[in-house]
């Protein structure tokens, strides 16, 4: 931009004050703030795109037989921006707008796995790894190992780490540059689905994520 650093710093500070940007944990980098994320969410939720998106999610829900979630990175966790409910009377209520922790959810671990080693170390150095259940990973080293496995396999699991008697499976929805945009996941009570059965739906989950990624590119 050929602009003096003090000018750039002043512009960034103004954008941060107006909640358009937010400063990273390193105190030097900036990312989208709440207002920019809300704008992005509104763009993704345009009527035509949302109709097509829900068709993809509904077809996946019928295949899996469980609730399908679309989540984006929020300030303190993953935020559900869309969902298709299961028809089962027994369901776990996590409505649109719900923010869930990064460290103990499938979508959150999917996001954390996309961070660089330096970014992840900084995040874990300040993050409160609160135990939500007896299965929650609260040891940073153990979580790092889990995220390394998520990165290698391309999907993340929640093994009753966020809620007792609930499991989840998440995959990434990628932008054209290969970066994470959102996550696609489903969750289910353990009375109906175990981890092995959930992984049996990995292929249709990944296909739906690819279809949703292509949808944003066509738009």
Protein backbone atom coordinates (compact mmCIF):
# COMPACT_ATOMS: atom_id res chain seq x y z
CA UNK A 1 0.00 0.00 0.00
CA UNK A 2 3.03 2.27 0.37
CA UNK A 3 1.52 3.77 3.53
CA UNK A 4 3.46 4.72 6.68
CA UNK A 5 3.24 2.17 9.48
CA UNK A 6 1.70 4.68 11.93
CA UNK A 7 -1.10 5.34 9.43
CA UNK A 8 -1.76 1.63 8.95
CA UNK A 9 -1.73 1.12 12.71
CA UNK A 10 -4.22 3.96 13.19
CA UNK A 11 -6.55 2.51 10.54
CA UNK A 12 -6.38 -0.94 12.10
CA UNK A 13 -7.05 0.50 15.56
CA UNK A 14 -10.12 2.35 14.24
CA UNK A 15 -11.40 -0.85 12.59
CA UNK A 16 -10.84 -2.69 15.86
CA UNK A 17 -12.70 -0.02 17.86
CA UNK A 18 -15.62 -0.39 15.46
CA UNK A 19 -15.58 -4.20 15.84
CA UNK A 20 -14.71 -4.72 12.18
CA UNK A 21 -11.38 -6.34 13.07
CA UNK A 22 -10.05 -7.95 16.20
CA UNK A 23 -6.48 -8.27 17.38
CA UNK A 24 -4.93 -11.73 17.56
CA UNK A 25 -3.49 -13.28 20.70
CA UNK A 26 0.01 -12.25 19.60
CA UNK A 27 -0.96 -8.57 19.79
CA UNK A 28 0.29 -7.98 16.24
CA UNK A 29 -2.00 -9.81 13.80
CA UNK A 30 -5.63 -8.97 13.02
CA UNK A 31 -8.60 -11.05 11.94
CA UNK A 32 -12.29 -10.46 11.18
CA UNK A 33 -14.23 -8.84 14.01
CA UNK A 34 -17.88 -9.44 14.98
CA UNK A 35 -19.28 -6.93 12.48
CA UNK A 36 -17.27 -8.39 9.60
CA UNK A 37 -18.28 -11.94 10.58
CA UNK A 38 -21.92 -10.82 10.74
CA UNK A 39 -21.58 -9.34 7.26
CA UNK A 40 -20.04 -12.58 5.99
CA UNK A 41 -22.83 -14.56 7.63
CA UNK A 42 -25.48 -12.39 6.01
CA UNK A 43 -23.78 -12.82 2.65
CA UNK A 44 -23.69 -16.60 3.06
CA UNK A 45 -27.35 -16.51 4.09
CA UNK A 46 -28.63 -14.75 0.98
CA UNK A 47 -31.98 -16.26 0.04
CA UNK A 48 -30.97 -18.21 -3.08
CA UNK A 49 -27.75 -19.50 -1.61
CA UNK A 50 -29.41 -20.47 1.66
CA UNK A 51 -32.15 -22.36 -0.16
CA UNK A 52 -29.59 -24.41 -2.08
CA UNK A 53 -27.48 -24.84 1.02
CA UNK A 54 -30.41 -26.17 3.02
CA UNK A 55 -31.25 -28.61 0.23
CA UNK A 56 -27.75 -30.09 0.51
CA UNK A 57 -27.93 -30.19 4.29
CA UNK A 58 -31.43 -31.72 4.30
CA UNK A 59 -30.38 -34.48 1.90
CA UNK A 60 -27.42 -35.22 4.19
CA UNK A 61 -29.70 -35.25 7.24
CA UNK A 62 -31.94 -37.80 5.55
CA UNK A 63 -28.90 -39.96 4.76
CA UNK A 64 -27.40 -39.76 8.25
CA UNK A 65 -30.71 -39.56 10.11
CA UNK A 66 -29.37 -36.89 12.48
CA UNK A 67 -29.13 -33.11 12.89
CA UNK A 68 -26.71 -31.38 10.50
CA UNK A 69 -24.82 -28.26 11.59
CA UNK A 70 -22.96 -25.52 9.75
CA UNK A 71 -20.57 -23.62 12.02
CA UNK A 72 -18.22 -20.66 11.63
CA UNK A 73 -15.37 -19.44 13.80
CA UNK A 74 -16.53 -17.02 16.47
CA UNK A 75 -14.62 -14.98 18.99
CA UNK A 76 -14.51 -17.59 21.73
CA UNK A 77 -15.76 -20.72 19.96
CA UNK A 78 -17.61 -22.10 16.97
CA UNK A 79 -20.95 -20.45 16.17
CA UNK A 80 -23.78 -22.40 14.55
CA UNK A 81 -24.95 -20.41 11.53
CA UNK A 82 -27.38 -22.95 10.07
CA UNK A 83 -28.80 -26.36 10.85
CA UNK A 84 -31.27 -28.99 9.71
CA UNK A 85 -32.97 -30.83 12.56
CA UNK A 86 -33.45 -34.56 12.76
CA UNK A 87 -37.02 -35.88 12.82
CA UNK A 88 -36.30 -38.02 15.87
CA UNK A 89 -38.22 -36.86 18.98
CA UNK A 90 -35.04 -37.33 21.03
CA UNK A 91 -32.73 -34.55 19.87
CA UNK A 92 -30.04 -32.28 21.31
CA UNK A 93 -31.05 -28.63 21.15
CA UNK A 94 -28.20 -26.38 19.94
CA UNK A 95 -30.02 -23.63 18.00
CA UNK A 96 -28.55 -21.28 15.39
CA UNK A 97 -26.44 -18.66 17.15
CA UNK A 98 -25.15 -21.08 19.80
CA UNK A 99 -21.43 -20.69 20.46
CA UNK A 100 -19.63 -23.87 21.53
CA UNK A 101 -16.03 -24.28 22.76
CA UNK A 102 -13.16 -24.98 20.42
CA UNK A 103 -11.36 -27.64 22.46
CA UNK A 104 -14.15 -30.13 23.12
CA UNK A 105 -16.31 -30.07 19.98
CA UNK A 106 -15.80 -31.72 16.62
CA UNK A 107 -16.18 -28.45 14.70
CA UNK A 108 -13.91 -26.62 17.14
CA UNK A 109 -11.16 -29.21 16.91
CA UNK A 110 -11.50 -29.13 13.12
CA UNK A 111 -10.79 -25.38 13.23
CA UNK A 112 -7.91 -25.67 15.70
CA UNK A 113 -6.26 -28.29 13.48
CA UNK A 114 -5.97 -25.72 10.67
CA UNK A 115 -3.87 -23.32 12.77
CA UNK A 116 -0.13 -23.20 12.36
CA UNK A 117 1.98 -24.68 15.15
CA UNK A 118 2.85 -21.19 16.40
CA UNK A 119 -0.78 -20.05 16.34
CA UNK A 120 -1.93 -23.20 18.10
CA UNK A 121 0.70 -22.91 20.82
CA UNK A 122 -0.33 -19.31 21.47
CA UNK A 123 -3.99 -20.28 21.59
CA UNK A 124 -3.43 -23.14 24.01
CA UNK A 125 -1.23 -20.98 26.22
CA UNK A 126 -4.17 -18.70 27.02
CA UNK A 127 -7.21 -20.91 26.38
CA UNK A 128 -9.19 -22.25 29.32
CA UNK A 129 -9.51 -25.97 28.61
CA UNK A 130 -12.48 -26.42 30.91
CA UNK A 131 -13.74 -29.97 31.45
CA UNK A 132 -17.31 -30.25 30.14
CA UNK A 133 -17.52 -34.01 30.77
CA UNK A 134 -15.28 -36.74 32.06
CA UNK A 135 -14.09 -37.26 28.46
CA UNK A 136 -12.97 -33.67 27.77
CA UNK A 137 -9.31 -33.32 26.80
CA UNK A 138 -7.90 -30.71 29.18
CA UNK A 139 -4.18 -31.45 28.84
CA UNK A 140 -2.59 -29.18 26.17
CA UNK A 141 -0.13 -31.87 25.07
CA UNK A 142 -2.88 -34.44 24.67
CA UNK A 143 -4.97 -31.94 22.74
CA UNK A 144 -2.03 -31.16 20.46
CA UNK A 145 -1.72 -34.88 19.68
CA UNK A 146 -5.45 -35.08 18.99
CA UNK A 147 -5.30 -32.09 16.64
CA UNK A 148 -2.32 -33.58 14.82
CA UNK A 149 -4.45 -36.68 14.15
CA UNK A 150 -7.37 -34.49 13.02
CA UNK A 151 -5.08 -32.67 10.61
CA UNK A 152 -3.83 -35.95 9.15
CA UNK A 153 -7.21 -37.63 8.75
CA UNK A 154 -9.21 -34.57 7.66
CA UNK A 155 -12.06 -34.98 10.10
CA UNK A 156 -12.70 -34.43 13.81
CA UNK A 157 -14.67 -36.37 16.39
CA UNK A 158 -16.37 -35.38 19.61
CA UNK A 159 -16.36 -38.49 21.80
CA UNK A 160 -18.76 -37.25 24.50
CA UNK A 161 -16.31 -34.42 25.22
CA UNK A 162 -18.81 -31.56 25.06
CA UNK A 163 -21.90 -33.30 26.42
CA UNK A 164 -22.38 -36.65 28.06
CA UNK A 165 -24.09 -39.17 25.80
CA UNK A 166 -23.49 -37.08 22.65
CA UNK A 167 -21.01 -37.70 19.84
CA UNK A 168 -20.27 -35.63 16.73
CA UNK A 169 -18.32 -35.78 13.48
CA UNK A 170 -17.10 -32.70 11.56
CA UNK A 171 -15.32 -31.99 8.29
CA UNK A 172 -14.05 -28.70 6.83
CA UNK A 173 -15.68 -26.61 4.12
CA UNK A 174 -12.80 -25.03 2.24
CA UNK A 175 -12.48 -21.83 0.24
CA UNK A 176 -10.96 -21.80 -3.23
CA UNK A 177 -7.54 -21.10 -1.67
CA UNK A 178 -7.85 -24.19 0.53
CA UNK A 179 -8.43 -22.28 3.74
CA UNK A 180 -11.17 -23.18 6.19
CA UNK A 181 -14.43 -21.23 5.74
CA UNK A 182 -16.85 -23.19 7.91
CA UNK A 183 -17.38 -26.70 9.22
CA UNK A 184 -20.09 -29.23 8.45
CA UNK A 185 -21.00 -31.70 11.16
CA UNK A 186 -23.65 -33.87 12.67
CA UNK A 187 -24.24 -34.81 16.28
CA UNK A 188 -26.28 -37.59 17.78
CA UNK A 189 -27.11 -39.18 21.14
CA UNK A 190 -25.12 -42.31 21.87
CA UNK A 191 -28.40 -44.21 22.27
CA UNK A 192 -28.72 -44.07 18.46
CA UNK A 193 -25.19 -43.76 17.13
CA UNK A 194 -21.72 -44.80 18.21
CA UNK A 195 -18.38 -43.64 16.81
CA UNK A 196 -18.00 -46.54 14.38
CA UNK A 197 -21.48 -46.00 12.94
CA UNK A 198 -20.85 -42.24 12.74
CA UNK A 199 -17.66 -42.81 10.72
CA UNK A 200 -19.73 -44.88 8.31
CA UNK A 201 -21.27 -41.59 7.17
CA UNK A 202 -17.92 -39.86 6.59
CA UNK A 203 -18.09 -40.18 2.79
CA UNK A 204 -21.52 -38.48 2.36
CA UNK A 205 -20.49 -35.84 4.92
CA UNK A 206 -17.38 -35.02 2.90
CA UNK A 207 -19.34 -34.96 -0.35
CA UNK A 208 -21.85 -32.52 1.13
CA UNK A 209 -18.97 -30.31 2.33
CA UNK A 210 -17.55 -30.30 -1.21
CA UNK A 211 -20.97 -29.41 -2.62
CA UNK A 212 -21.31 -26.52 -0.16
CA UNK A 213 -17.82 -25.30 -0.98
CA UNK A 214 -18.66 -25.36 -4.68
CA UNK A 215 -21.89 -23.49 -3.98
CA UNK A 216 -20.00 -20.51 -2.55
CA UNK A 217 -17.64 -20.51 -5.55
CA UNK A 218 -20.53 -20.55 -8.02
CA UNK A 219 -22.12 -17.63 -6.19
